C-alpha atoms as a PDB file:
ATOM      1  CA  MET A   1      12.051  22.006  27.250  1.00  0.00           C
ATOM      2  CA  ALA A   2      12.147  21.048  23.578  1.00  0.00           C
ATOM      3  CA  GLU A   3      15.255  23.162  23.108  1.00  0.00           C
ATOM      4  CA  GLY A   4      17.162  20.990  25.575  1.00  0.00           C
ATOM      5  CA  HIS A   5      15.894  17.860  23.877  1.00  0.00           C
ATOM      6  CA  ASP A   6      16.844  19.151  20.437  1.00  0.00           C
ATOM      7  CA  ARG A   7      20.331  20.085  21.635  1.00  0.00           C
ATOM      8  CA  TYR A   8      20.812  16.673  23.217  1.00  0.00           C
ATOM      9  CA  VAL A   9      19.761  14.792  20.082  1.00  0.00           C
ATOM     10  CA  GLU A  10      21.959  17.013  17.899  1.00  0.00           C
ATOM     11  CA  TYR A  11      24.902  16.523  20.251  1.00  0.00           C
ATOM     12  CA  VAL A  12      24.609  12.741  20.221  1.00  0.00           C
ATOM     13  CA  LEU A  13      24.072  12.675  16.437  1.00  0.00           C
ATOM     14  CA  GLU A  14      27.256  14.713  15.954  1.00  0.00           C
ATOM     15  CA  ARG A  15      29.202  12.324  18.181  1.00  0.00           C
ATOM     16  CA  ILE A  16      27.915   9.375  16.140  1.00  0.00           C
ATOM     17  CA  ARG A  17      28.724  11.161  12.879  1.00  0.00           C
ATOM     18  CA  ASP A  18      32.257  12.017  14.029  1.00  0.00           C
ATOM     19  CA  ASP A  19      33.140   8.579  15.440  1.00  0.00           C
ATOM     20  CA  ARG A  20      34.385   6.114  12.876  1.00  0.00           C
ATOM     21  CA  TYR A  21      32.887   3.271  14.906  1.00  0.00           C
ATOM     22  CA  PRO A  22      30.228   4.753  17.196  1.00  0.00           C
ATOM     23  CA  SER A  23      29.397   2.700  20.251  1.00  0.00           C
ATOM     24  CA  MET A  24      26.167   0.772  20.559  1.00  0.00           C
ATOM     25  CA  GLN A  25      25.514   2.633  23.824  1.00  0.00           C
ATOM     26  CA  LEU A  26      25.707   5.988  22.036  1.00  0.00           C
ATOM     27  CA  MET A  27      23.351   4.772  19.301  1.00  0.00           C
ATOM     28  CA  ASP A  28      20.993   3.337  21.957  1.00  0.00           C
ATOM     29  CA  ARG A  29      20.927   6.746  23.671  1.00  0.00           C
ATOM     30  CA  VAL A  30      19.919   8.659  20.562  1.00  0.00           C
ATOM     31  CA  GLU A  31      17.362   6.028  19.565  1.00  0.00           C
ATOM     32  CA  ALA A  32      15.735   6.318  22.992  1.00  0.00           C
ATOM     33  CA  ALA A  33      15.554  10.104  22.576  1.00  0.00           C
ATOM     34  CA  LEU A  34      14.144  10.270  19.026  1.00  0.00           C
ATOM     35  CA  ALA A  35      10.819  12.071  19.266  1.00  0.00           C
ATOM     36  CA  SER A  36       9.887  12.998  15.701  1.00  0.00           C
ATOM     37  CA  ARG A  37      10.096  11.695  12.161  1.00  0.00           C
ATOM     38  CA  GLU A  38      12.546  14.477  11.365  1.00  0.00           C
ATOM     39  CA  GLU A  39      14.903  13.251  14.088  1.00  0.00           C
ATOM     40  CA  VAL A  40      14.561   9.664  12.858  1.00  0.00           C
ATOM     41  CA  ARG A  41      15.367  10.796   9.300  1.00  0.00           C
ATOM     42  CA  ALA A  42      18.404  12.761  10.483  1.00  0.00           C
ATOM     43  CA  TYR A  43      19.654   9.743  12.419  1.00  0.00           C
ATOM     44  CA  LEU A  44      19.057   7.450   9.445  1.00  0.00           C
ATOM     45  CA  ASP A  45      21.048   9.861   7.256  1.00  0.00           C
ATOM     46  CA  VAL A  46      23.982   9.531   9.660  1.00  0.00           C
ATOM     47  CA  LEU A  47      23.712   5.735   9.701  1.00  0.00           C
ATOM     48  CA  PHE A  48      23.497   5.536   5.911  1.00  0.00           C
ATOM     49  CA  GLU A  49      26.640   7.695   5.682  1.00  0.00           C
ATOM     50  CA  LYS A  50      28.393   5.194   7.963  1.00  0.00           C
ATOM     51  CA  LEU A  51      27.189   2.254   5.886  1.00  0.00           C
ATOM     52  CA  ASP A  52      28.217   3.937   2.626  1.00  0.00           C
ATOM     53  CA  ASP A  53      31.711   4.604   3.996  1.00  0.00           C
ATOM     54  CA  SER A  54      32.268   1.003   5.050  1.00  0.00           C
ATOM     55  CA  ARG A  55      33.437  -1.803   2.836  1.00  0.00           C
ATOM     56  CA  TYR A  56      32.049  -4.319   5.323  1.00  0.00           C
ATOM     57  CA  PRO A  57      29.063  -2.670   6.999  1.00  0.00           C
ATOM     58  CA  SER A  58      28.215  -3.588  10.544  1.00  0.00           C
ATOM     59  CA  LYS A  59      25.360  -6.079  10.936  1.00  0.00           C
ATOM     60  CA  ASP A  60      24.210  -4.179  14.016  1.00  0.00           C
ATOM     61  CA  MET A  61      24.084  -0.898  12.108  1.00  0.00           C
ATOM     62  CA  MET A  62      22.195  -2.506   9.222  1.00  0.00           C
ATOM     63  CA  ASP A  63      19.704  -3.965  11.726  1.00  0.00           C
ATOM     64  CA  ARG A  64      19.215  -0.525  13.259  1.00  0.00           C
ATOM     65  CA  VAL A  65      18.558   1.022   9.843  1.00  0.00           C
ATOM     66  CA  ALA A  66      16.079  -1.722   8.952  1.00  0.00           C
ATOM     67  CA  ARG A  67      14.235  -1.276  12.259  1.00  0.00           C
ATOM     68  CA  LEU A  68      14.080   2.529  12.028  1.00  0.00           C
ATOM     69  CA  ALA A  69      13.232   2.743   8.327  1.00  0.00           C
ATOM     70  CA  TYR A  70       9.636   1.796   9.147  1.00  0.00           C
ATOM     71  CA  LEU A  71       9.257   4.890  11.331  1.00  0.00           C
ATOM     72  CA  THR A  72       9.743   7.390   8.523  1.00  0.00           C
END
Protein backbone atom coordinates (compact mmCIF):
# COMPACT_ATOMS: atom_id res chain seq x y z
CA MET A 1 0.00 0.00 0.00
CA ALA A 2 2.81 2.42 0.83
CA GLU A 3 4.27 1.90 -2.63
CA GLY A 4 1.12 3.29 -4.23
CA HIS A 5 1.14 6.22 -1.83
CA ASP A 6 4.81 6.94 -2.50
CA ARG A 7 4.26 6.81 -6.26
CA TYR A 8 1.28 9.15 -6.01
CA VAL A 9 3.16 11.72 -3.93
CA GLU A 10 6.17 11.54 -6.26
CA TYR A 11 3.93 11.93 -9.30
CA VAL A 12 2.19 15.01 -7.93
CA LEU A 13 5.50 16.52 -6.74
CA GLU A 14 6.94 16.09 -10.24
CA ARG A 15 3.91 17.78 -11.77
CA ILE A 16 4.31 20.70 -9.36
CA ARG A 17 8.05 20.88 -10.06
CA ASP A 18 7.51 20.86 -13.84
CA ASP A 19 4.68 23.42 -13.93
CA ARG A 20 5.83 27.01 -13.94
CA TYR A 21 2.68 28.01 -12.06
CA PRO A 22 1.28 24.89 -10.39
CA SER A 23 -2.40 25.01 -9.55
CA MET A 24 -3.64 25.41 -6.01
CA GLN A 25 -5.68 22.22 -6.50
CA LEU A 26 -2.53 20.25 -7.33
CA MET A 27 -0.73 21.66 -4.29
CA ASP A 28 -3.80 20.92 -2.12
CA ARG A 29 -3.73 17.30 -3.34
CA VAL A 30 -0.11 16.70 -2.39
CA GLU A 31 -0.51 18.48 0.94
CA ALA A 32 -3.44 16.21 1.79
CA ALA A 33 -1.32 13.16 0.95
CA LEU A 34 1.87 14.08 2.85
CA ALA A 35 2.42 11.35 5.42
CA SER A 36 5.99 11.80 6.65
CA ARG A 37 8.52 14.48 7.45
CA GLU A 38 10.57 13.32 4.48
CA GLU A 39 7.64 13.97 2.14
CA VAL A 40 7.06 17.38 3.71
CA ARG A 41 10.75 18.24 3.24
CA ALA A 42 10.68 17.11 -0.39
CA TYR A 43 7.60 19.22 -1.03
CA LEU A 44 9.15 22.22 0.71
CA ASP A 45 12.25 21.82 -1.48
CA VAL A 46 10.03 22.04 -4.57
CA LEU A 47 8.23 25.11 -3.23
CA PHE A 48 11.48 26.84 -2.30
CA GLU A 49 12.76 26.19 -5.85
CA LYS A 50 9.62 27.89 -7.17
CA LEU A 51 10.06 30.84 -4.83
CA ASP A 52 13.75 31.18 -5.71
CA ASP A 53 12.93 31.21 -9.43
CA SER A 54 10.33 33.96 -9.11
CA ARG A 55 11.02 37.65 -9.01
CA TYR A 56 7.61 38.22 -7.41
CA PRO A 57 6.83 35.11 -5.37
CA SER A 58 3.25 34.07 -4.93
CA LYS A 59 1.68 35.02 -1.59
CA ASP A 60 -0.19 31.72 -1.59
CA MET A 61 3.02 29.75 -2.09
CA MET A 62 4.79 31.71 0.66
CA ASP A 63 1.84 31.01 2.99
CA ARG A 64 2.07 27.31 2.19
CA VAL A 65 5.80 27.26 2.96
CA ALA A 66 5.26 29.11 6.24
CA ARG A 67 2.50 26.69 7.27
CA LEU A 68 4.47 23.55 6.36
CA ALA A 69 7.82 24.69 7.74
CA TYR A 70 6.58 23.92 11.26
CA LEU A 71 6.07 20.26 10.34
CA THR A 72 9.73 19.54 9.66
